[in-house]
Amino acid sequence: MDIQAKKLELVQMILNTDRPNLLEKVSQLLTTEKETDWWDELPISVQQAIEVGIKEADKGETTPHEEVMKEVRLRYGI
């Protein structure tokens, strides 16, 4: 079922109900529900670490992939 069909189904269900409590719940859900961004669900410490990493990268303070892989191979005996 596509989104438009689902919307129509829900509208029909709402139109057919005589239950004020149910209508109030639907109204509350639709007015309080917000789209959440994955970023907002990350812990603040993770957001801060990512922001630091972005600033470092913008300043060119990065380590080439080959160097990182070399360190990983040495550390883990790969």
PDB file of N, CA and C in Angstrom:
ATOM      1  N   MET A   1       0.849  -1.176   0.000  1.00  0.00           N
ATOM      2  CA  MET A   1       0.000   0.000   0.000  1.00  0.00           C
ATOM      3  C   MET A   1       0.893   1.238   0.000  1.00  0.00           C
ATOM      4  N   ASP A   2       0.630   2.149  -0.915  1.00  0.00           N
ATOM      5  CA  ASP A   2       1.438   3.359  -0.964  1.00  0.00           C
ATOM      6  C   ASP A   2       0.944   4.379   0.063  1.00  0.00           C
ATOM      7  N   ILE A   3       1.689   5.448   0.213  1.00  0.00           N
ATOM      8  CA  ILE A   3       1.400   6.443   1.246  1.00  0.00           C
ATOM      9  C   ILE A   3       0.051   7.126   1.039  1.00  0.00           C
ATOM     10  N   GLN A   4      -0.291   7.417  -0.209  1.00  0.00           N
ATOM     11  CA  GLN A   4      -1.574   8.083  -0.467  1.00  0.00           C
ATOM     12  C   GLN A   4      -2.750   7.184  -0.112  1.00  0.00           C
ATOM     13  N   ALA A   5      -2.642   5.920  -0.426  1.00  0.00           N
ATOM     14  CA  ALA A   5      -3.704   4.976  -0.096  1.00  0.00           C
ATOM     15  C   ALA A   5      -3.843   4.843   1.420  1.00  0.00           C
ATOM     16  N   LYS A   6      -2.713   4.834   2.121  1.00  0.00           N
ATOM     17  CA  LYS A   6      -2.739   4.747   3.574  1.00  0.00           C
ATOM     18  C   LYS A   6      -3.406   5.977   4.176  1.00  0.00           C
ATOM     19  N   LYS A   7      -3.092   7.154   3.632  1.00  0.00           N
ATOM     20  CA  LYS A   7      -3.712   8.391   4.110  1.00  0.00           C
ATOM     21  C   LYS A   7      -5.226   8.345   3.923  1.00  0.00           C
ATOM     22  N   LEU A   8      -5.654   7.906   2.766  1.00  0.00           N
ATOM     23  CA  LEU A   8      -7.092   7.818   2.492  1.00  0.00           C
ATOM     24  C   LEU A   8      -7.768   6.827   3.435  1.00  0.00           C
ATOM     25  N   GLU A   9      -7.103   5.715   3.697  1.00  0.00           N
ATOM     26  CA  GLU A   9      -7.642   4.728   4.621  1.00  0.00           C
ATOM     27  C   GLU A   9      -7.819   5.331   6.022  1.00  0.00           C
ATOM     28  N   LEU A  10      -6.806   6.060   6.467  1.00  0.00           N
ATOM     29  CA  LEU A  10      -6.876   6.688   7.782  1.00  0.00           C
ATOM     30  C   LEU A  10      -7.962   7.758   7.851  1.00  0.00           C
ATOM     31  N   VAL A  11      -8.077   8.563   6.793  1.00  0.00           N
ATOM     32  CA  VAL A  11      -9.130   9.574   6.743  1.00  0.00           C
ATOM     33  C   VAL A  11     -10.495   8.914   6.836  1.00  0.00           C
ATOM     34  N   GLN A  12     -10.677   7.826   6.125  1.00  0.00           N
ATOM     35  CA  GLN A  12     -11.953   7.113   6.155  1.00  0.00           C
ATOM     36  C   GLN A  12     -12.238   6.578   7.556  1.00  0.00           C
ATOM     37  N   MET A  13     -11.225   6.045   8.211  1.00  0.00           N
ATOM     38  CA  MET A  13     -11.402   5.543   9.568  1.00  0.00           C
ATOM     39  C   MET A  13     -11.782   6.677  10.526  1.00  0.00           C
ATOM     40  N   ILE A  14     -11.152   7.820  10.377  1.00  0.00           N
ATOM     41  CA  ILE A  14     -11.466   8.973  11.224  1.00  0.00           C
ATOM     42  C   ILE A  14     -12.892   9.441  10.980  1.00  0.00           C
ATOM     43  N   LEU A  15     -13.272   9.522   9.713  1.00  0.00           N
ATOM     44  CA  LEU A  15     -14.629   9.961   9.388  1.00  0.00           C
ATOM     45  C   LEU A  15     -15.690   8.997   9.920  1.00  0.00           C
ATOM     46  N   ASN A  16     -15.374   7.746  10.015  1.00  0.00           N
ATOM     47  CA  ASN A  16     -16.345   6.741  10.440  1.00  0.00           C
ATOM     48  C   ASN A  16     -16.430   6.550  11.955  1.00  0.00           C
ATOM     49  N   THR A  17     -15.544   7.193  12.708  1.00  0.00           N
ATOM     50  CA  THR A  17     -15.579   6.978  14.155  1.00  0.00           C
ATOM     51  C   THR A  17     -16.421   8.041  14.854  1.00  0.00           C
ATOM     52  N   ASP A  18     -17.044   7.610  15.939  1.00  0.00           N
ATOM     53  CA  ASP A  18     -17.809   8.523  16.783  1.00  0.00           C
ATOM     54  C   ASP A  18     -17.209   8.556  18.188  1.00  0.00           C
ATOM     55  N   ARG A  19     -15.954   8.156  18.289  1.00  0.00           N
ATOM     56  CA  ARG A  19     -15.292   8.074  19.595  1.00  0.00           C
ATOM     57  C   ARG A  19     -14.446   9.320  19.844  1.00  0.00           C
ATOM     58  N   PRO A  20     -14.943  10.237  20.668  1.00  0.00           N
ATOM     59  CA  PRO A  20     -14.213  11.484  20.930  1.00  0.00           C
ATOM     60  C   PRO A  20     -12.814  11.243  21.497  1.00  0.00           C
ATOM     61  N   ASN A  21     -12.667  10.254  22.371  1.00  0.00           N
ATOM     62  CA  ASN A  21     -11.344   9.981  22.948  1.00  0.00           C
ATOM     63  C   ASN A  21     -10.338   9.573  21.878  1.00  0.00           C
ATOM     64  N   LEU A  22     -10.771   8.762  20.946  1.00  0.00           N
ATOM     65  CA  LEU A  22      -9.894   8.332  19.859  1.00  0.00           C
ATOM     66  C   LEU A  22      -9.515   9.522  18.981  1.00  0.00           C
ATOM     67  N   LEU A  23     -10.478  10.361  18.673  1.00  0.00           N
ATOM     68  CA  LEU A  23     -10.201  11.537  17.848  1.00  0.00           C
ATOM     69  C   LEU A  23      -9.224  12.478  18.561  1.00  0.00           C
ATOM     70  N   GLU A  24      -9.378  12.605  19.865  1.00  0.00           N
ATOM     71  CA  GLU A  24      -8.457  13.450  20.635  1.00  0.00           C
ATOM     72  C   GLU A  24      -7.043  12.877  20.603  1.00  0.00           C
ATOM     73  N   LYS A  25      -6.916  11.557  20.722  1.00  0.00           N
ATOM     74  CA  LYS A  25      -5.601  10.915  20.666  1.00  0.00           C
ATOM     75  C   LYS A  25      -4.944  11.112  19.302  1.00  0.00           C
ATOM     76  N   VAL A  26      -5.720  10.961  18.251  1.00  0.00           N
ATOM     77  CA  VAL A  26      -5.193  11.165  16.899  1.00  0.00           C
ATOM     78  C   VAL A  26      -4.735  12.617  16.742  1.00  0.00           C
ATOM     79  N   SER A  27      -5.554  13.533  17.229  1.00  0.00           N
ATOM     80  CA  SER A  27      -5.211  14.953  17.145  1.00  0.00           C
ATOM     81  C   SER A  27      -3.919  15.251  17.896  1.00  0.00           C
ATOM     82  N   GLN A  28      -3.793  14.714  19.106  1.00  0.00           N
ATOM     83  CA  GLN A  28      -2.571  14.934  19.888  1.00  0.00           C
ATOM     84  C   GLN A  28      -1.351  14.336  19.197  1.00  0.00           C
ATOM     85  N   LEU A  29      -1.518  13.159  18.668  1.00  0.00           N
ATOM     86  CA  LEU A  29      -0.408  12.507  17.973  1.00  0.00           C
ATOM     87  C   LEU A  29       0.063  13.348  16.792  1.00  0.00           C
ATOM     88  N   LEU A  30      -0.879  13.830  16.012  1.00  0.00           N
ATOM     89  CA  LEU A  30      -0.520  14.589  14.817  1.00  0.00           C
ATOM     90  C   LEU A  30       0.055  15.965  15.142  1.00  0.00           C
ATOM     91  N   THR A  31      -0.330  16.548  16.260  1.00  0.00           N
ATOM     92  CA  THR A  31       0.180  17.877  16.593  1.00  0.00           C
ATOM     93  C   THR A  31       1.496  17.827  17.363  1.00  0.00           C
ATOM     94  N   THR A  32       1.749  16.732  18.057  1.00  0.00           N
ATOM     95  CA  THR A  32       2.983  16.657  18.842  1.00  0.00           C
ATOM     96  C   THR A  32       4.084  15.875  18.156  1.00  0.00           C
ATOM     97  N   GLU A  33       3.725  15.040  17.210  1.00  0.00           N
ATOM     98  CA  GLU A  33       4.717  14.225  16.510  1.00  0.00           C
ATOM     99  C   GLU A  33       5.580  15.131  15.649  1.00  0.00           C
ATOM    100  N   LYS A  34       6.865  14.967  15.758  1.00  0.00           N
ATOM    101  CA  LYS A  34       7.768  15.741  14.911  1.00  0.00           C
ATOM    102  C   LYS A  34       8.747  14.797  14.242  1.00  0.00           C
ATOM    103  N   GLU A  35       9.233  15.238  13.140  1.00  0.00           N
ATOM    104  CA  GLU A  35      10.255  14.461  12.445  1.00  0.00           C
ATOM    105  C   GLU A  35      11.543  14.568  13.259  1.00  0.00           C
ATOM    106  N   THR A  36      12.153  13.438  13.550  1.00  0.00           N
ATOM    107  CA  THR A  36      13.406  13.477  14.278  1.00  0.00           C
ATOM    108  C   THR A  36      14.559  13.244  13.317  1.00  0.00           C
ATOM    109  N   ASP A  37      15.608  13.943  13.581  1.00  0.00           N
ATOM    110  CA  ASP A  37      16.817  13.826  12.791  1.00  0.00           C
ATOM    111  C   ASP A  37      17.763  12.899  13.549  1.00  0.00           C
ATOM    112  N   TRP A  38      18.441  12.021  12.855  1.00  0.00           N
ATOM    113  CA  TRP A  38      19.347  11.077  13.506  1.00  0.00           C
ATOM    114  C   TRP A  38      20.376  11.808  14.356  1.00  0.00           C
ATOM    115  N   TRP A  39      20.778  12.987  13.922  1.00  0.00           N
ATOM    116  CA  TRP A  39      21.771  13.778  14.657  1.00  0.00           C
ATOM    117  C   TRP A  39      21.271  14.095  16.068  1.00  0.00           C
ATOM    118  N   ASP A  40      20.006  14.474  16.172  1.00  0.00           N
ATOM    119  CA  ASP A  40      19.433  14.845  17.462  1.00  0.00           C
ATOM    120  C   ASP A  40      19.348  13.665  18.425  1.00  0.00           C
ATOM    121  N   GLU A  41      19.380  12.470  17.903  1.00  0.00           N
ATOM    122  CA  GLU A  41      19.286  11.296  18.754  1.00  0.00           C
ATOM    123  C   GLU A  41      20.654  10.803  19.231  1.00  0.00           C
ATOM    124  N   LEU A  42      21.719  11.399  18.703  1.00  0.00           N
ATOM    125  CA  LEU A  42      23.063  11.034  19.160  1.00  0.00           C
ATOM    126  C   LEU A  42      23.335  11.685  20.509  1.00  0.00           C
ATOM    127  N   PRO A  43      24.086  11.007  21.371  1.00  0.00           N
ATOM    128  CA  PRO A  43      24.481  11.655  22.629  1.00  0.00           C
ATOM    129  C   PRO A  43      25.303  12.916  22.339  1.00  0.00           C
ATOM    130  N   ILE A  44      25.200  13.896  23.227  1.00  0.00           N
ATOM    131  CA  ILE A  44      25.918  15.163  23.052  1.00  0.00           C
ATOM    132  C   ILE A  44      27.413  14.919  22.886  1.00  0.00           C
ATOM    133  N   SER A  45      27.965  13.976  23.655  1.00  0.00           N
ATOM    134  CA  SER A  45      29.406  13.709  23.563  1.00  0.00           C
ATOM    135  C   SER A  45      29.794  13.234  22.163  1.00  0.00           C
ATOM    136  N   VAL A  46      28.942  12.457  21.533  1.00  0.00           N
ATOM    137  CA  VAL A  46      29.214  11.973  20.174  1.00  0.00           C
ATOM    138  C   VAL A  46      29.099  13.137  19.186  1.00  0.00           C
ATOM    139  N   GLN A  47      28.084  13.967  19.341  1.00  0.00           N
ATOM    140  CA  GLN A  47      27.935  15.140  18.467  1.00  0.00           C
ATOM    141  C   GLN A  47      29.172  16.033  18.556  1.00  0.00           C
ATOM    142  N   GLN A  48      29.644  16.258  19.789  1.00  0.00           N
ATOM    143  CA  GLN A  48      30.818  17.103  19.975  1.00  0.00           C
ATOM    144  C   GLN A  48      32.055  16.489  19.337  1.00  0.00           C
ATOM    145  N   ALA A  49      32.226  15.177  19.477  1.00  0.00           N
ATOM    146  CA  ALA A  49      33.385  14.506  18.886  1.00  0.00           C
ATOM    147  C   ALA A  49      33.354  14.604  17.364  1.00  0.00           C
ATOM    148  N   ILE A  50      32.180  14.464  16.794  1.00  0.00           N
ATOM    149  CA  ILE A  50      32.045  14.576  15.335  1.00  0.00           C
ATOM    150  C   ILE A  50      32.366  15.996  14.889  1.00  0.00           C
ATOM    151  N   GLU A  51      31.870  16.981  15.627  1.00  0.00           N
ATOM    152  CA  GLU A  51      32.138  18.376  15.270  1.00  0.00           C
ATOM    153  C   GLU A  51      33.631  18.693  15.348  1.00  0.00           C
ATOM    154  N   VAL A  52      34.300  18.163  16.365  1.00  0.00           N
ATOM    155  CA  VAL A  52      35.749  18.349  16.481  1.00  0.00           C
ATOM    156  C   VAL A  52      36.446  17.729  15.270  1.00  0.00           C
ATOM    157  N   GLY A  53      36.037  16.521  14.903  1.00  0.00           N
ATOM    158  CA  GLY A  53      36.621  15.844  13.754  1.00  0.00           C
ATOM    159  C   GLY A  53      36.425  16.619  12.459  1.00  0.00           C
ATOM    160  N   ILE A  54      35.254  17.198  12.288  1.00  0.00           N
ATOM    161  CA  ILE A  54      34.981  17.993  11.078  1.00  0.00           C
ATOM    162  C   ILE A  54      35.883  19.224  11.046  1.00  0.00           C
ATOM    163  N   LYS A  55      36.035  19.888  12.201  1.00  0.00           N
ATOM    164  CA  LYS A  55      36.899  21.078  12.255  1.00  0.00           C
ATOM    165  C   LYS A  55      38.346  20.710  11.944  1.00  0.00           C
ATOM    166  N   GLU A  56      38.802  19.583  12.490  1.00  0.00           N
ATOM    167  CA  GLU A  56      40.165  19.134  12.212  1.00  0.00           C
ATOM    168  C   GLU A  56      40.345  18.837  10.728  1.00  0.00           C
ATOM    169  N   ALA A  57      39.375  18.185  10.137  1.00  0.00           N
ATOM    170  CA  ALA A  57      39.463  17.857   8.710  1.00  0.00           C
ATOM    171  C   ALA A  57      39.456  19.127   7.870  1.00  0.00           C
ATOM    172  N   ASP A  58      38.624  20.096   8.252  1.00  0.00           N
ATOM    173  CA  ASP A  58      38.589  21.364   7.520  1.00  0.00           C
ATOM    174  C   ASP A  58      39.935  22.080   7.553  1.00  0.00           C
ATOM    175  N   LYS A  59      40.694  21.878   8.647  1.00  0.00           N
ATOM    176  CA  LYS A  59      42.018  22.501   8.773  1.00  0.00           C
ATOM    177  C   LYS A  59      43.114  21.631   8.169  1.00  0.00           C
ATOM    178  N   GLY A  60      42.720  20.503   7.606  1.00  0.00           N
ATOM    179  CA  GLY A  60      43.700  19.617   6.984  1.00  0.00           C
ATOM    180  C   GLY A  60      44.424  18.722   7.983  1.00  0.00           C
ATOM    181  N   GLU A  61      43.929  18.644   9.196  1.00  0.00           N
ATOM    182  CA  GLU A  61      44.548  17.831  10.233  1.00  0.00           C
ATOM    183  C   GLU A  61      44.001  16.406  10.172  1.00  0.00           C
ATOM    184  N   THR A  62      44.381  15.701   9.128  1.00  0.00           N
ATOM    185  CA  THR A  62      43.897  14.342   8.937  1.00  0.00           C
ATOM    186  C   THR A  62      45.075  13.383   8.801  1.00  0.00           C
ATOM    187  N   THR A  63      44.777  12.105   8.914  1.00  0.00           N
ATOM    188  CA  THR A  63      45.785  11.061   8.726  1.00  0.00           C
ATOM    189  C   THR A  63      45.398  10.273   7.483  1.00  0.00           C
ATOM    190  N   PRO A  64      46.320  10.138   6.534  1.00  0.00           N
ATOM    191  CA  PRO A  64      46.005   9.383   5.318  1.00  0.00           C
ATOM    192  C   PRO A  64      45.585   7.949   5.631  1.00  0.00           C
ATOM    193  N   HIS A  65      44.702   7.423   4.832  1.00  0.00           N
ATOM    194  CA  HIS A  65      44.166   6.081   5.012  1.00  0.00           C
ATOM    195  C   HIS A  65      45.284   5.047   5.099  1.00  0.00           C
ATOM    196  N   GLU A  66      46.267   5.173   4.234  1.00  0.00           N
ATOM    197  CA  GLU A  66      47.361   4.200   4.224  1.00  0.00           C
ATOM    198  C   GLU A  66      48.089   4.152   5.570  1.00  0.00           C
ATOM    199  N   GLU A  67      48.273   5.327   6.200  1.00  0.00           N
ATOM    200  CA  GLU A  67      48.944   5.362   7.504  1.00  0.00           C
ATOM    201  C   GLU A  67      48.093   4.693   8.576  1.00  0.00           C
ATOM    202  N   VAL A  68      46.819   4.973   8.552  1.00  0.00           N
ATOM    203  CA  VAL A  68      45.912   4.367   9.525  1.00  0.00           C
ATOM    204  C   VAL A  68      45.933   2.854   9.374  1.00  0.00           C
ATOM    205  N   MET A  69      45.851   2.377   8.145  1.00  0.00           N
ATOM    206  CA  MET A  69      45.850   0.928   7.909  1.00  0.00           C
ATOM    207  C   MET A  69      47.170   0.303   8.356  1.00  0.00           C
ATOM    208  N   LYS A  70      48.268   1.005   8.151  1.00  0.00           N
ATOM    209  CA  LYS A  70      49.575   0.504   8.583  1.00  0.00           C
ATOM    210  C   LYS A  70      49.578   0.337  10.107  1.00  0.00           C
ATOM    211  N   GLU A  71      49.072   1.339  10.821  1.00  0.00           N
ATOM    212  CA  GLU A  71      49.004   1.267  12.280  1.00  0.00           C
ATOM    213  C   GLU A  71      48.093   0.125  12.741  1.00  0.00           C
ATOM    214  N   VAL A  72      46.975  -0.056  12.059  1.00  0.00           N
ATOM    215  CA  VAL A  72      46.043  -1.131  12.412  1.00  0.00           C
ATOM    216  C   VAL A  72      46.710  -2.478  12.216  1.00  0.00           C
ATOM    217  N   ARG A  73      47.408  -2.653  11.082  1.00  0.00           N
ATOM    218  CA  ARG A  73      48.074  -3.925  10.807  1.00  0.00           C
ATOM    219  C   ARG A  73      49.137  -4.228  11.871  1.00  0.00           C
ATOM    220  N   LEU A  74      49.894  -3.207  12.256  1.00  0.00           N
ATOM    221  CA  LEU A  74      50.923  -3.406  13.288  1.00  0.00           C
ATOM    222  C   LEU A  74      50.298  -3.737  14.635  1.00  0.00           C
ATOM    223  N   ARG A  75      49.247  -3.024  14.989  1.00  0.00           N
ATOM    224  CA  ARG A  75      48.619  -3.208  16.294  1.00  0.00           C
ATOM    225  C   ARG A  75      47.956  -4.577  16.416  1.00  0.00           C
ATOM    226  N   TYR A  76      47.289  -5.008  15.360  1.00  0.00           N
ATOM    227  CA  TYR A  76      46.512  -6.247  15.421  1.00  0.00           C
ATOM    228  C   TYR A  76      47.164  -7.421  14.710  1.00  0.00           C
ATOM    229  N   GLY A  77      48.369  -7.241  14.209  1.00  0.00           N
ATOM    230  CA  GLY A  77      49.087  -8.325  13.558  1.00  0.00           C
ATOM    231  C   GLY A  77      48.396  -8.856  12.319  1.00  0.00           C
ATOM    232  N   ILE A  78      47.812  -7.959  11.591  1.00  0.00           N
ATOM    233  CA  ILE A  78      47.080  -8.362  10.373  1.00  0.00           C
ATOM    234  C   ILE A  78      48.025  -8.376   9.194  1.00  0.00           C
TER     235      ILE A  78
END
